[in-house]
């Protein structure tokens, strides 16, 4: 039962697949080469991550300012194999399901579903703003939740951003630990989840505990005498599995066009994803 719950939690945060079959030849401490920088600036690739964020998945080729980072990857052979597993899972399972889903569900409805998932997970983002003494960001997160839960019809829409221009960077516990000087540790590629560092992995687990949804609505944790929306454990497991699968396919459907052509254009996709992830996390901590 505990193993089933762990798998469901992983699925809830999305898949870490990427379109590609690249093998990295980089050693510890290598920086991104000029060719990889051009790839990262000009292309988009699918790697999903649910760290607080969010859109709920990590875009390794999103445009951002490139900064030198140390790539500490002592488990590179294992990480590369996990990367390949995630890629095949995305290619043969998630992506085909997303194409079928995309045929029947309009993009606006898909975005509304994504908005709901984002809205109900506001508590870890709010708390991490407070942990970092970002009180303005915490106020925005709370305001967004209240506005979108009411005017936005339970989070289906985002009037907080559209009408009131309320938006703030997403904060998670990995970023909080980074602001307090905790080093990232080794790079990790996790089955079903995608890229992490050891610090971000610990932060991910912490954020899971910080989210009241996970112990009040569809509880992962059993707390004596705590109120629960559902009392029947099999019902909880099936509900989490359905929600996780639906969220994963919905997010992948939203990214179908964005991630076309990555495999053909990237020689070392694993290395590019690793470097881009580390750069993105460093930038998020510095913001």
C-alpha atoms as a PDB file:
ATOM      1  CA  UNK A   1       0.000   0.000   0.000  1.00  0.00           C
ATOM      2  CA  UNK A   2       2.780   2.446   0.866  1.00  0.00           C
ATOM      3  CA  UNK A   3       4.529   1.638  -2.403  1.00  0.00           C
ATOM      4  CA  UNK A   4       1.306   2.316  -4.312  1.00  0.00           C
ATOM      5  CA  UNK A   5       0.965   5.648  -2.564  1.00  0.00           C
ATOM      6  CA  UNK A   6       4.556   6.581  -3.420  1.00  0.00           C
ATOM      7  CA  UNK A   7       3.972   5.764  -7.094  1.00  0.00           C
ATOM      8  CA  UNK A   8       0.789   7.838  -7.071  1.00  0.00           C
ATOM      9  CA  UNK A   9       2.643  10.792  -5.555  1.00  0.00           C
ATOM     10  CA  UNK A  10       5.250  10.540  -8.280  1.00  0.00           C
ATOM     11  CA  UNK A  11       2.603  10.464 -10.984  1.00  0.00           C
ATOM     12  CA  UNK A  12       0.876  13.443  -9.435  1.00  0.00           C
ATOM     13  CA  UNK A  13       3.889  15.585 -10.133  1.00  0.00           C
ATOM     14  CA  UNK A  14       4.267  14.494 -13.764  1.00  0.00           C
ATOM     15  CA  UNK A  15       6.744  12.574 -15.854  1.00  0.00           C
ATOM     16  CA  UNK A  16      10.388  13.432 -16.401  1.00  0.00           C
ATOM     17  CA  UNK A  17      10.559  12.358 -20.010  1.00  0.00           C
ATOM     18  CA  UNK A  18      12.473  14.034 -22.793  1.00  0.00           C
ATOM     19  CA  UNK A  19      12.417  13.397 -26.516  1.00  0.00           C
ATOM     20  CA  UNK A  20      15.875  12.164 -27.228  1.00  0.00           C
ATOM     21  CA  UNK A  21      18.425   9.429 -26.887  1.00  0.00           C
ATOM     22  CA  UNK A  22      21.449  11.484 -25.976  1.00  0.00           C
ATOM     23  CA  UNK A  23      24.267  10.169 -23.825  1.00  0.00           C
ATOM     24  CA  UNK A  24      26.329  12.667 -21.898  1.00  0.00           C
ATOM     25  CA  UNK A  25      30.111  12.638 -22.040  1.00  0.00           C
ATOM     26  CA  UNK A  26      30.601  15.548 -19.644  1.00  0.00           C
ATOM     27  CA  UNK A  27      32.628  15.285 -16.479  1.00  0.00           C
ATOM     28  CA  UNK A  28      32.042  16.899 -13.098  1.00  0.00           C
ATOM     29  CA  UNK A  29      32.416  20.667 -13.174  1.00  0.00           C
ATOM     30  CA  UNK A  30      32.028  21.070 -16.951  1.00  0.00           C
ATOM     31  CA  UNK A  31      30.162  24.170 -18.057  1.00  0.00           C
ATOM     32  CA  UNK A  32      27.745  24.303 -20.963  1.00  0.00           C
ATOM     33  CA  UNK A  33      29.449  24.598 -24.340  1.00  0.00           C
ATOM     34  CA  UNK A  34      28.628  27.328 -26.824  1.00  0.00           C
ATOM     35  CA  UNK A  35      26.706  24.932 -29.088  1.00  0.00           C
ATOM     36  CA  UNK A  36      24.571  23.706 -26.203  1.00  0.00           C
ATOM     37  CA  UNK A  37      23.873  27.281 -25.192  1.00  0.00           C
ATOM     38  CA  UNK A  38      22.527  27.946 -28.671  1.00  0.00           C
ATOM     39  CA  UNK A  39      20.381  24.820 -28.432  1.00  0.00           C
ATOM     40  CA  UNK A  40      18.996  25.867 -25.075  1.00  0.00           C
ATOM     41  CA  UNK A  41      18.177  29.318 -26.389  1.00  0.00           C
ATOM     42  CA  UNK A  42      16.491  28.208 -29.580  1.00  0.00           C
ATOM     43  CA  UNK A  43      14.663  24.996 -28.714  1.00  0.00           C
ATOM     44  CA  UNK A  44      12.157  23.621 -26.275  1.00  0.00           C
ATOM     45  CA  UNK A  45      12.126  20.104 -24.817  1.00  0.00           C
ATOM     46  CA  UNK A  46       9.780  18.076 -22.606  1.00  0.00           C
ATOM     47  CA  UNK A  47      10.878  17.313 -19.107  1.00  0.00           C
ATOM     48  CA  UNK A  48       8.175  17.425 -16.493  1.00  0.00           C
ATOM     49  CA  UNK A  49       8.610  18.410 -12.925  1.00  0.00           C
ATOM     50  CA  UNK A  50       6.128  19.265 -10.323  1.00  0.00           C
ATOM     51  CA  UNK A  51       8.161  21.338  -8.035  1.00  0.00           C
ATOM     52  CA  UNK A  52       5.735  23.824  -6.813  1.00  0.00           C
ATOM     53  CA  UNK A  53       5.238  25.049 -10.154  1.00  0.00           C
ATOM     54  CA  UNK A  54       4.431  24.388 -11.141  1.00  0.00           C
ATOM     55  CA  UNK A  55       2.867  24.896 -15.121  1.00  0.00           C
ATOM     56  CA  UNK A  56       3.945  21.878 -13.094  1.00  0.00           C
ATOM     57  CA  UNK A  57       6.722  20.821 -15.356  1.00  0.00           C
ATOM     58  CA  UNK A  58      10.247  21.931 -16.104  1.00  0.00           C
ATOM     59  CA  UNK A  59      11.025  23.286 -19.550  1.00  0.00           C
ATOM     60  CA  UNK A  60      14.779  22.718 -19.961  1.00  0.00           C
ATOM     61  CA  UNK A  61      15.036  24.913 -23.035  1.00  0.00           C
ATOM     62  CA  UNK A  62      13.063  27.907 -21.897  1.00  0.00           C
ATOM     63  CA  UNK A  63      14.838  31.165 -22.658  1.00  0.00           C
ATOM     64  CA  UNK A  64      16.829  32.601 -19.779  1.00  0.00           C
ATOM     65  CA  UNK A  65      20.191  34.223 -19.198  1.00  0.00           C
ATOM     66  CA  UNK A  66      22.921  31.605 -19.153  1.00  0.00           C
ATOM     67  CA  UNK A  67      25.277  31.560 -16.198  1.00  0.00           C
ATOM     68  CA  UNK A  68      28.179  29.208 -15.446  1.00  0.00           C
ATOM     69  CA  UNK A  69      27.184  26.290 -13.227  1.00  0.00           C
ATOM     70  CA  UNK A  70      29.060  23.302 -11.887  1.00  0.00           C
ATOM     71  CA  UNK A  71      27.567  20.040 -13.046  1.00  0.00           C
ATOM     72  CA  UNK A  72      28.209  17.625 -10.191  1.00  0.00           C
ATOM     73  CA  UNK A  73      26.894  14.354 -11.589  1.00  0.00           C
ATOM     74  CA  UNK A  74      28.698  11.391  -9.959  1.00  0.00           C
ATOM     75  CA  UNK A  75      25.787   9.089 -10.840  1.00  0.00           C
ATOM     76  CA  UNK A  76      25.794  10.004 -14.524  1.00  0.00           C
ATOM     77  CA  UNK A  77      25.539   6.424 -15.894  1.00  0.00           C
ATOM     78  CA  UNK A  78      22.516   5.703 -13.697  1.00  0.00           C
ATOM     79  CA  UNK A  79      20.980   9.116 -14.351  1.00  0.00           C
ATOM     80  CA  UNK A  80      21.410   8.680 -18.093  1.00  0.00           C
ATOM     81  CA  UNK A  81      19.639   5.308 -17.964  1.00  0.00           C
ATOM     82  CA  UNK A  82      16.759   6.795 -15.965  1.00  0.00           C
ATOM     83  CA  UNK A  83      16.603   9.646 -18.461  1.00  0.00           C
ATOM     84  CA  UNK A  84      16.213   7.113 -21.263  1.00  0.00           C
ATOM     85  CA  UNK A  85      13.462   5.314 -19.338  1.00  0.00           C
ATOM     86  CA  UNK A  86      11.589   8.568 -18.820  1.00  0.00           C
ATOM     87  CA  UNK A  87      11.966   9.429 -22.478  1.00  0.00           C
ATOM     88  CA  UNK A  88      10.502   6.119 -23.632  1.00  0.00           C
ATOM     89  CA  UNK A  89       7.670   6.368 -21.134  1.00  0.00           C
ATOM     90  CA  UNK A  90       6.814   9.779 -22.509  1.00  0.00           C
ATOM     91  CA  UNK A  91       7.201   8.704 -26.125  1.00  0.00           C
ATOM     92  CA  UNK A  92       5.164   5.505 -25.977  1.00  0.00           C
ATOM     93  CA  UNK A  93       2.626   6.199 -23.215  1.00  0.00           C
ATOM     94  CA  UNK A  94       2.170   9.808 -22.178  1.00  0.00           C
ATOM     95  CA  UNK A  95       2.518  11.536 -25.532  1.00  0.00           C
ATOM     96  CA  UNK A  96       0.103   9.222 -27.433  1.00  0.00           C
ATOM     97  CA  UNK A  97      -2.454   9.593 -24.636  1.00  0.00           C
ATOM     98  CA  UNK A  98      -2.002  13.362 -24.740  1.00  0.00           C
ATOM     99  CA  UNK A  99      -2.624  13.422 -28.496  1.00  0.00           C
ATOM    100  CA  UNK A 100      -5.929  11.594 -28.077  1.00  0.00           C
ATOM    101  CA  UNK A 101      -6.851  13.843 -25.152  1.00  0.00           C
ATOM    102  CA  UNK A 102      -5.913  16.920 -27.179  1.00  0.00           C
ATOM    103  CA  UNK A 103      -8.224  15.856 -29.994  1.00  0.00           C
ATOM    104  CA  UNK A 104     -11.274  15.841 -27.724  1.00  0.00           C
ATOM    105  CA  UNK A 105     -10.482  18.561 -25.148  1.00  0.00           C
ATOM    106  CA  UNK A 106     -10.116  22.190 -26.330  1.00  0.00           C
ATOM    107  CA  UNK A 107      -6.950  24.058 -25.250  1.00  0.00           C
ATOM    108  CA  UNK A 108      -8.927  26.562 -23.160  1.00  0.00           C
ATOM    109  CA  UNK A 109     -10.446  23.722 -21.146  1.00  0.00           C
ATOM    110  CA  UNK A 110      -7.026  22.138 -20.720  1.00  0.00           C
ATOM    111  CA  UNK A 111      -5.670  25.422 -19.376  1.00  0.00           C
ATOM    112  CA  UNK A 112      -8.576  25.693 -16.951  1.00  0.00           C
ATOM    113  CA  UNK A 113      -7.807  22.226 -15.598  1.00  0.00           C
ATOM    114  CA  UNK A 114      -4.173  23.242 -15.172  1.00  0.00           C
ATOM    115  CA  UNK A 115      -5.271  26.404 -13.347  1.00  0.00           C
ATOM    116  CA  UNK A 116      -7.270  24.347 -10.848  1.00  0.00           C
ATOM    117  CA  UNK A 117      -4.332  22.082 -10.008  1.00  0.00           C
ATOM    118  CA  UNK A 118      -2.097  25.110  -9.569  1.00  0.00           C
ATOM    119  CA  UNK A 119      -4.606  26.943  -7.402  1.00  0.00           C
ATOM    120  CA  UNK A 120      -5.199  24.141  -4.903  1.00  0.00           C
ATOM    121  CA  UNK A 121      -1.456  23.811  -4.263  1.00  0.00           C
ATOM    122  CA  UNK A 122      -0.889  27.395  -3.166  1.00  0.00           C
ATOM    123  CA  UNK A 123       0.009  26.616   0.467  1.00  0.00           C
ATOM    124  CA  UNK A 124       3.612  25.392  -0.102  1.00  0.00           C
ATOM    125  CA  UNK A 125       4.266  28.412  -2.344  1.00  0.00           C
ATOM    126  CA  UNK A 126       2.825  30.749   0.300  1.00  0.00           C
ATOM    127  CA  UNK A 127       4.864  29.183   3.103  1.00  0.00           C
ATOM    128  CA  UNK A 128       8.099  29.227   1.141  1.00  0.00           C
ATOM    129  CA  UNK A 129       7.644  32.927   0.436  1.00  0.00           C
ATOM    130  CA  UNK A 130       7.311  33.420   4.194  1.00  0.00           C
ATOM    131  CA  UNK A 131      10.332  31.197   4.914  1.00  0.00           C
ATOM    132  CA  UNK A 132      12.391  33.440   2.617  1.00  0.00           C
ATOM    133  CA  UNK A 133      10.954  36.643   4.124  1.00  0.00           C
ATOM    134  CA  UNK A 134       9.358  37.477   0.770  1.00  0.00           C
ATOM    135  CA  UNK A 135       6.278  38.955   2.370  1.00  0.00           C
ATOM    136  CA  UNK A 136       5.178  40.775  -0.774  1.00  0.00           C
ATOM    137  CA  UNK A 137       5.244  37.479  -2.684  1.00  0.00           C
ATOM    138  CA  UNK A 138       3.342  35.763   0.133  1.00  0.00           C
ATOM    139  CA  UNK A 139       0.668  38.466  -0.053  1.00  0.00           C
ATOM    140  CA  UNK A 140       0.358  37.986  -3.795  1.00  0.00           C
ATOM    141  CA  UNK A 141       0.044  34.196  -3.417  1.00  0.00           C
ATOM    142  CA  UNK A 142      -2.705  34.570  -0.811  1.00  0.00           C
ATOM    143  CA  UNK A 143      -4.499  37.210  -2.876  1.00  0.00           C
ATOM    144  CA  UNK A 144      -4.288  35.058  -6.002  1.00  0.00           C
ATOM    145  CA  UNK A 145      -5.793  32.100  -4.173  1.00  0.00           C
ATOM    146  CA  UNK A 146      -8.691  34.108  -2.749  1.00  0.00           C
ATOM    147  CA  UNK A 147      -9.477  35.872  -6.029  1.00  0.00           C
ATOM    148  CA  UNK A 148      -9.139  32.825  -8.265  1.00  0.00           C
ATOM    149  CA  UNK A 149     -11.116  30.626  -5.855  1.00  0.00           C
ATOM    150  CA  UNK A 150     -14.031  33.077  -5.954  1.00  0.00           C
ATOM    151  CA  UNK A 151     -14.043  35.197  -9.108  1.00  0.00           C
ATOM    152  CA  UNK A 152     -12.135  32.458 -10.898  1.00  0.00           C
ATOM    153  CA  UNK A 153     -14.788  29.837 -10.089  1.00  0.00           C
ATOM    154  CA  UNK A 154     -12.697  27.528  -7.951  1.00  0.00           C
ATOM    155  CA  UNK A 155      -9.510  28.281  -9.847  1.00  0.00           C
ATOM    156  CA  UNK A 156     -10.768  27.471 -13.347  1.00  0.00           C
ATOM    157  CA  UNK A 157      -9.802  30.970 -14.464  1.00  0.00           C
ATOM    158  CA  UNK A 158      -7.028  33.376 -13.488  1.00  0.00           C
ATOM    159  CA  UNK A 159      -8.627  36.804 -12.943  1.00  0.00           C
ATOM    160  CA  UNK A 160      -5.921  37.606 -10.382  1.00  0.00           C
ATOM    161  CA  UNK A 161      -3.408  37.837 -13.215  1.00  0.00           C
ATOM    162  CA  UNK A 162      -5.679  38.990 -16.026  1.00  0.00           C
ATOM    163  CA  UNK A 163      -7.687  41.614 -14.134  1.00  0.00           C
ATOM    164  CA  UNK A 164      -5.413  42.582 -11.240  1.00  0.00           C
ATOM    165  CA  UNK A 165      -1.958  41.787 -12.688  1.00  0.00           C
ATOM    166  CA  UNK A 166      -1.066  39.730  -9.623  1.00  0.00           C
ATOM    167  CA  UNK A 167       1.801  37.410 -10.398  1.00  0.00           C
ATOM    168  CA  UNK A 168       4.938  36.336  -8.551  1.00  0.00           C
ATOM    169  CA  UNK A 169       7.757  33.819  -9.067  1.00  0.00           C
ATOM    170  CA  UNK A 170       6.982  30.362  -7.762  1.00  0.00           C
ATOM    171  CA  UNK A 171       8.791  29.393  -4.577  1.00  0.00           C
ATOM    172  CA  UNK A 172       9.484  25.892  -3.293  1.00  0.00           C
ATOM    173  CA  UNK A 173      11.422  24.397  -0.416  1.00  0.00           C
ATOM    174  CA  UNK A 174      14.425  23.579  -2.597  1.00  0.00           C
ATOM    175  CA  UNK A 175      14.751  27.290  -3.360  1.00  0.00           C
ATOM    176  CA  UNK A 176      14.276  28.124   0.313  1.00  0.00           C
ATOM    177  CA  UNK A 177      17.103  25.784   1.294  1.00  0.00           C
ATOM    178  CA  UNK A 178      19.260  27.334  -1.413  1.00  0.00           C
ATOM    179  CA  UNK A 179      18.694  30.855  -0.081  1.00  0.00           C
ATOM    180  CA  UNK A 180      19.934  29.649   3.321  1.00  0.00           C
ATOM    181  CA  UNK A 181      23.153  28.415   1.777  1.00  0.00           C
ATOM    182  CA  UNK A 182      22.427  24.692   1.424  1.00  0.00           C
ATOM    183  CA  UNK A 183      24.499  23.428  -1.541  1.00  0.00           C
ATOM    184  CA  UNK A 184      22.682  21.632  -4.376  1.00  0.00           C
ATOM    185  CA  UNK A 185      24.528  18.346  -3.994  1.00  0.00           C
ATOM    186  CA  UNK A 186      24.685  15.759  -6.783  1.00  0.00           C
ATOM    187  CA  UNK A 187      22.413  15.902  -9.796  1.00  0.00           C
ATOM    188  CA  UNK A 188      19.706  13.223  -9.838  1.00  0.00           C
ATOM    189  CA  UNK A 189      17.362  11.973 -12.545  1.00  0.00           C
ATOM    190  CA  UNK A 190      14.345  10.367 -10.854  1.00  0.00           C
ATOM    191  CA  UNK A 191      12.034   7.853 -12.578  1.00  0.00           C
ATOM    192  CA  UNK A 192       8.688   9.478 -13.480  1.00  0.00           C
ATOM    193  CA  UNK A 193       9.732  12.823 -11.972  1.00  0.00           C
ATOM    194  CA  UNK A 194      12.739  13.985 -13.966  1.00  0.00           C
ATOM    195  CA  UNK A 195      15.656  16.217 -12.930  1.00  0.00           C
ATOM    196  CA  UNK A 196      16.499  17.135  -9.347  1.00  0.00           C
ATOM    197  CA  UNK A 197      19.457  17.888  -7.188  1.00  0.00           C
ATOM    198  CA  UNK A 198      19.724  16.254  -3.783  1.00  0.00           C
ATOM    199  CA  UNK A 199      18.682  19.546  -2.200  1.00  0.00           C
ATOM    200  CA  UNK A 200      15.685  19.901  -4.501  1.00  0.00           C
ATOM    201  CA  UNK A 201      14.679  16.301  -3.861  1.00  0.00           C
ATOM    202  CA  UNK A 202      14.626  16.939  -0.120  1.00  0.00           C
ATOM    203  CA  UNK A 203      12.675  20.114  -0.803  1.00  0.00           C
ATOM    204  CA  UNK A 204      10.186  18.189  -2.925  1.00  0.00           C
ATOM    205  CA  UNK A 205       9.516  15.776  -0.073  1.00  0.00           C
ATOM    206  CA  UNK A 206       9.176  18.706   2.332  1.00  0.00           C
ATOM    207  CA  UNK A 207       6.713  20.495   0.063  1.00  0.00           C
ATOM    208  CA  UNK A 208       4.656  17.306  -0.099  1.00  0.00           C
ATOM    209  CA  UNK A 209       4.337  17.408   3.685  1.00  0.00           C
ATOM    210  CA  UNK A 210       3.578  21.153   3.640  1.00  0.00           C
ATOM    211  CA  UNK A 211       0.606  20.758   1.303  1.00  0.00           C
ATOM    212  CA  UNK A 212      -2.596  20.257   3.353  1.00  0.00           C
ATOM    213  CA  UNK A 213      -4.236  18.711   0.291  1.00  0.00           C
ATOM    214  CA  UNK A 214      -2.055  15.662   0.946  1.00  0.00           C
ATOM    215  CA  UNK A 215      -3.369  15.113   4.461  1.00  0.00           C
ATOM    216  CA  UNK A 216      -6.864  16.607   4.480  1.00  0.00           C
ATOM    217  CA  UNK A 217      -8.435  16.061   1.049  1.00  0.00           C
ATOM    218  CA  UNK A 218      -6.765  12.985  -0.461  1.00  0.00           C
ATOM    219  CA  UNK A 219      -4.419  12.116   2.379  1.00  0.00           C
ATOM    220  CA  UNK A 220      -1.104  10.425   1.861  1.00  0.00           C
ATOM    221  CA  UNK A 221      -0.368  10.711   5.565  1.00  0.00           C
ATOM    222  CA  UNK A 222      -2.522   9.321   8.335  1.00  0.00           C
ATOM    223  CA  UNK A 223      -3.033  11.840  11.153  1.00  0.00           C
ATOM    224  CA  UNK A 224      -5.029  10.706  14.153  1.00  0.00           C
ATOM    225  CA  UNK A 225      -8.407  12.454  14.485  1.00  0.00           C
ATOM    226  CA  UNK A 226      -7.631  14.811  11.573  1.00  0.00           C
ATOM    227  CA  UNK A 227     -10.609  15.644   9.313  1.00  0.00           C
ATOM    228  CA  UNK A 228     -10.565  13.885   5.951  1.00  0.00           C
ATOM    229  CA  UNK A 229     -12.723  14.425   2.906  1.00  0.00           C
ATOM    230  CA  UNK A 230     -12.552  10.695   2.140  1.00  0.00           C
ATOM    231  CA  UNK A 231     -12.318   7.943   4.756  1.00  0.00           C
ATOM    232  CA  UNK A 232     -12.095   4.862   2.564  1.00  0.00           C
ATOM    233  CA  UNK A 233      -8.444   4.176   1.696  1.00  0.00           C
ATOM    234  CA  UNK A 234      -9.070   2.386  -1.659  1.00  0.00           C
ATOM    235  CA  UNK A 235     -11.234   5.336  -2.708  1.00  0.00           C
ATOM    236  CA  UNK A 236      -8.402   7.711  -1.837  1.00  0.00           C
ATOM    237  CA  UNK A 237      -5.889   5.671  -3.825  1.00  0.00           C
ATOM    238  CA  UNK A 238      -8.102   5.478  -6.916  1.00  0.00           C
ATOM    239  CA  UNK A 239      -8.930   9.175  -6.670  1.00  0.00           C
ATOM    240  CA  UNK A 240      -5.258  10.148  -6.437  1.00  0.00           C
ATOM    241  CA  UNK A 241      -4.363   7.849  -9.323  1.00  0.00           C
ATOM    242  CA  UNK A 242      -7.105   9.326 -11.503  1.00  0.00           C
ATOM    243  CA  UNK A 243      -6.173  12.890 -10.587  1.00  0.00           C
ATOM    244  CA  UNK A 244      -2.470  12.213 -11.168  1.00  0.00           C
ATOM    245  CA  UNK A 245      -3.003  10.589 -14.541  1.00  0.00           C
ATOM    246  CA  UNK A 246      -5.405  13.296 -15.635  1.00  0.00           C
ATOM    247  CA  UNK A 247      -3.077  16.089 -14.611  1.00  0.00           C
ATOM    248  CA  UNK A 248      -0.080  14.479 -16.327  1.00  0.00           C
ATOM    249  CA  UNK A 249      -1.903  13.942 -19.624  1.00  0.00           C
ATOM    250  CA  UNK A 250      -3.429  17.427 -19.464  1.00  0.00           C
ATOM    251  CA  UNK A 251      -0.026  19.060 -18.969  1.00  0.00           C
ATOM    252  CA  UNK A 252       1.519  16.993 -21.753  1.00  0.00           C
ATOM    253  CA  UNK A 253      -1.299  17.962 -24.107  1.00  0.00           C
ATOM    254  CA  UNK A 254      -0.589  21.627 -23.425  1.00  0.00           C
ATOM    255  CA  UNK A 255       3.027  21.111 -24.478  1.00  0.00           C
ATOM    256  CA  UNK A 256       2.631  18.951 -27.588  1.00  0.00           C
ATOM    257  CA  UNK A 257       3.530  21.602 -30.152  1.00  0.00           C
ATOM    258  CA  UNK A 258       6.142  23.246 -27.968  1.00  0.00           C
ATOM    259  CA  UNK A 259       8.347  20.175 -27.780  1.00  0.00           C
ATOM    260  CA  UNK A 260       8.395  19.111 -31.427  1.00  0.00           C
ATOM    261  CA  UNK A 261      11.754  18.590 -33.088  1.00  0.00           C
ATOM    262  CA  UNK A 262      13.961  18.477 -30.002  1.00  0.00           C
ATOM    263  CA  UNK A 263      15.308  14.981 -30.622  1.00  0.00           C
ATOM    264  CA  UNK A 264      16.561  15.853 -34.084  1.00  0.00           C
ATOM    265  CA  UNK A 265      18.193  19.117 -33.022  1.00  0.00           C
ATOM    266  CA  UNK A 266      20.075  18.134 -29.869  1.00  0.00           C
ATOM    267  CA  UNK A 267      23.173  15.935 -29.917  1.00  0.00           C
ATOM    268  CA  UNK A 268      23.536  15.578 -26.150  1.00  0.00           C
ATOM    269  CA  UNK A 269      20.026  15.965 -24.827  1.00  0.00           C
ATOM    270  CA  UNK A 270      20.780  14.577 -21.373  1.00  0.00           C
ATOM    271  CA  UNK A 271      23.682  16.977 -20.887  1.00  0.00           C
ATOM    272  CA  UNK A 272      21.660  19.911 -22.200  1.00  0.00           C
ATOM    273  CA  UNK A 273      18.748  19.149 -19.861  1.00  0.00           C
ATOM    274  CA  UNK A 274      21.081  18.750 -16.892  1.00  0.00           C
ATOM    275  CA  UNK A 275      22.833  22.055 -17.515  1.00  0.00           C
ATOM    276  CA  UNK A 276      19.621  23.934 -18.248  1.00  0.00           C
ATOM    277  CA  UNK A 277      17.978  22.592 -15.089  1.00  0.00           C
ATOM    278  CA  UNK A 278      20.898  23.619 -12.897  1.00  0.00           C
ATOM    279  CA  UNK A 279      20.975  27.077 -14.459  1.00  0.00           C
ATOM    280  CA  UNK A 280      17.237  27.531 -14.039  1.00  0.00           C
ATOM    281  CA  UNK A 281      17.352  26.510 -10.385  1.00  0.00           C
ATOM    282  CA  UNK A 282      20.282  28.821  -9.701  1.00  0.00           C
ATOM    283  CA  UNK A 283      18.407  31.713 -11.273  1.00  0.00           C
ATOM    284  CA  UNK A 284      15.262  30.913  -9.280  1.00  0.00           C
ATOM    285  CA  UNK A 285      17.230  30.999  -6.008  1.00  0.00           C
ATOM    286  CA  UNK A 286      18.860  34.301  -6.914  1.00  0.00           C
ATOM    287  CA  UNK A 287      15.560  36.027  -7.726  1.00  0.00           C
END
